[in-house]
C-alpha atoms as a PDB file:
ATOM      1  CA  MET A   1      88.075 108.137 102.721  1.00  0.00           C
ATOM      2  CA  LYS A   2      90.148 107.384  99.639  1.00  0.00           C
ATOM      3  CA  TRP A   3      93.251 108.780  98.046  1.00  0.00           C
ATOM      4  CA  TRP A   4      93.246 110.205  94.817  1.00  0.00           C
ATOM      5  CA  LEU A   5      96.310 110.901  92.592  1.00  0.00           C
ATOM      6  CA  VAL A   6      96.118 114.219  90.724  1.00  0.00           C
ATOM      7  CA  VAL A   7      97.596 116.356  88.413  1.00  0.00           C
ATOM      8  CA  PHE A   8      98.365 119.846  89.262  1.00  0.00           C
ATOM      9  CA  ILE A   9      98.677 122.379  86.033  1.00  0.00           C
ATOM     10  CA  LEU A  10     100.067 125.684  86.095  1.00  0.00           C
ATOM     11  CA  THR A  11      98.170 127.806  83.746  1.00  0.00           C
ATOM     12  CA  SER A  12      97.710 132.410  84.028  1.00  0.00           C
ATOM     13  CA  ASN A  13      95.238 131.488  87.299  1.00  0.00           C
ATOM     14  CA  GLY A  14      97.477 129.886  89.038  1.00  0.00           C
ATOM     15  CA  TRP A  15      97.859 126.153  89.978  1.00  0.00           C
ATOM     16  CA  GLU A  16      94.591 124.331  88.870  1.00  0.00           C
ATOM     17  CA  SER A  17      93.380 120.525  89.321  1.00  0.00           C
ATOM     18  CA  GLY A  18      94.291 118.611  85.630  1.00  0.00           C
ATOM     19  CA  GLU A  19      90.124 117.447  86.171  1.00  0.00           C
ATOM     20  CA  GLN A  20      89.138 120.980  85.241  1.00  0.00           C
ATOM     21  CA  PHE A  21      90.729 120.459  81.508  1.00  0.00           C
ATOM     22  CA  GLU A  22      88.978 117.892  79.328  1.00  0.00           C
ATOM     23  CA  GLY A  23      91.092 114.193  79.197  1.00  0.00           C
ATOM     24  CA  TRP A  24      92.733 114.848  82.601  1.00  0.00           C
ATOM     25  CA  TRP A  25      91.342 113.041  85.410  1.00  0.00           C
ATOM     26  CA  ALA A  26      92.120 111.916  88.827  1.00  0.00           C
ATOM     27  CA  ILE A  27      93.625 107.977  89.531  1.00  0.00           C
ATOM     28  CA  GLU A  28      91.766 106.347  92.698  1.00  0.00           C
ATOM     29  CA  GLU A  29      94.697 104.707  94.666  1.00  0.00           C
ATOM     30  CA  ASP A  30      94.457 101.480  97.028  1.00  0.00           C
ATOM     31  CA  SER A  31      96.235 103.699  99.575  1.00  0.00           C
ATOM     32  CA  ARG A  32      98.006 106.651 100.785  1.00  0.00           C
ATOM     33  CA  GLU A  33     100.952 104.923 100.677  1.00  0.00           C
ATOM     34  CA  ALA A  34     100.189 103.517  96.827  1.00  0.00           C
ATOM     35  CA  CYS A  35      99.468 106.943  96.026  1.00  0.00           C
ATOM     36  CA  GLU A  36     102.661 108.158  97.504  1.00  0.00           C
ATOM     37  CA  THR A  37     104.626 105.690  95.405  1.00  0.00           C
ATOM     38  CA  HIS A  38     102.543 106.554  92.326  1.00  0.00           C
ATOM     39  CA  ARG A  39     103.016 110.010  93.366  1.00  0.00           C
ATOM     40  CA  ASP A  40     107.071 110.263  93.548  1.00  0.00           C
ATOM     41  CA  PHE A  41     107.583 108.201  90.350  1.00  0.00           C
ATOM     42  CA  ALA A  42     105.278 110.391  87.720  1.00  0.00           C
ATOM     43  CA  ASN A  43     107.273 113.879  89.297  1.00  0.00           C
ATOM     44  CA  LYS A  44     110.319 112.011  88.644  1.00  0.00           C
ATOM     45  CA  THR A  45     109.372 111.115  84.954  1.00  0.00           C
ATOM     46  CA  ASN A  46     107.904 114.588  84.511  1.00  0.00           C
ATOM     47  CA  GLU A  47     111.150 116.372  85.894  1.00  0.00           C
ATOM     48  CA  THR A  48     113.420 115.960  82.558  1.00  0.00           C
ATOM     49  CA  THR A  49     110.540 117.032  80.474  1.00  0.00           C
ATOM     50  CA  PRO A  50     109.912 120.718  79.063  1.00  0.00           C
ATOM     51  CA  LEU A  51     106.493 120.990  80.966  1.00  0.00           C
ATOM     52  CA  ALA A  52     108.363 119.973  84.612  1.00  0.00           C
ATOM     53  CA  SER A  53     107.671 123.317  85.957  1.00  0.00           C
ATOM     54  CA  LYS A  54     104.026 123.817  85.000  1.00  0.00           C
ATOM     55  CA  ILE A  55     102.923 120.288  85.954  1.00  0.00           C
ATOM     56  CA  CYS A  56     102.989 118.695  89.809  1.00  0.00           C
ATOM     57  CA  PHE A  57     101.129 115.319  90.719  1.00  0.00           C
ATOM     58  CA  ALA A  58      99.620 115.156  94.332  1.00  0.00           C
ATOM     59  CA  CYS A  59      97.733 112.844  96.631  1.00  0.00           C
ATOM     60  CA  GLU A  60      94.808 113.814  97.479  1.00  0.00           C
ATOM     61  CA  GLN A  61      92.124 112.769 100.612  1.00  0.00           C
ATOM     62  CA  ARG A  62      88.675 112.753  99.346  1.00  0.00           C
ATOM     63  CA  LEU A  63      85.410 112.142 100.895  1.00  0.00           C
ATOM     64  CA  PRO A  64      83.125 109.215  99.208  1.00  0.00           C
ATOM     65  CA  ASP A  65      80.990 112.335  97.593  1.00  0.00           C
ATOM     66  CA  GLY A  66      84.624 113.136  95.886  1.00  0.00           C
ATOM     67  CA  ALA A  67      84.636 116.603  97.274  1.00  0.00           C
ATOM     68  CA  THR A  68      88.695 117.145  98.560  1.00  0.00           C
ATOM     69  CA  THR A  69      89.064 117.441 102.170  1.00  0.00           C
ATOM     70  CA  PHE A  70      91.026 120.637 103.167  1.00  0.00           C
ATOM     71  CA  GLY A  71      94.573 119.768 104.105  1.00  0.00           C
ATOM     72  CA  ASN A  72      94.341 116.531 102.551  1.00  0.00           C
ATOM     73  CA  CYS A  73      97.056 116.909  99.670  1.00  0.00           C
ATOM     74  CA  THR A  74     100.348 115.389 100.039  1.00  0.00           C
ATOM     75  CA  GLY A  75     103.249 116.290  97.263  1.00  0.00           C
ATOM     76  CA  PRO A  76     105.671 118.862  96.142  1.00  0.00           C
ATOM     77  CA  CYS A  77     102.913 120.810  94.426  1.00  0.00           C
ATOM     78  CA  GLU A  78     102.457 124.383  95.564  1.00  0.00           C
ATOM     79  CA  PRO A  79      98.438 123.748  96.026  1.00  0.00           C
ATOM     80  CA  CYS A  80      99.489 121.440  98.640  1.00  0.00           C
ATOM     81  CA  GLU A  81     102.115 124.100 100.161  1.00  0.00           C
ATOM     82  CA  THR A  82      99.288 126.451 100.470  1.00  0.00           C
ATOM     83  CA  ASN A  83      97.136 123.894 102.068  1.00  0.00           C
ATOM     84  CA  LEU A  84      99.467 123.020 104.817  1.00  0.00           C
ATOM     85  CA  ASP A  85      99.924 126.873 105.456  1.00  0.00           C
ATOM     86  CA  SER A  86      96.503 127.684 105.914  1.00  0.00           C
ATOM     87  CA  SER A  87      95.905 124.571 107.950  1.00  0.00           C
ATOM     88  CA  VAL A  88      99.168 125.718 110.531  1.00  0.00           C
ATOM     89  CA  SER A  89      97.877 128.936 111.050  1.00  0.00           C
ATOM     90  CA  ALA A  90      94.452 127.690 111.463  1.00  0.00           C
ATOM     91  CA  SER A  91      95.252 125.358 114.324  1.00  0.00           C
ATOM     92  CA  ASN A  92      97.432 128.525 115.596  1.00  0.00           C
ATOM     93  CA  ASP A  93      94.645 131.367 115.866  1.00  0.00           C
END
């Protein structure tokens, strides 16, 4: 599986992957560590912009066919926190 740097955009429907919009795409990273370094840099750079509350960068681990694996999102984005909460509660059931 590979790691991808993904941007999430807050819309009226909630957080959506930037890949849903023209001109945005995920970037394949060499490793989880490289992805997290780029994620942290992007979020730090973004925190002083007017869009800071509407854009968030995260790392996702994906299968070779590009499908996102459940619960393998890392970062401060709400979609990652939601995946973490769901995977924790699922493992406790």
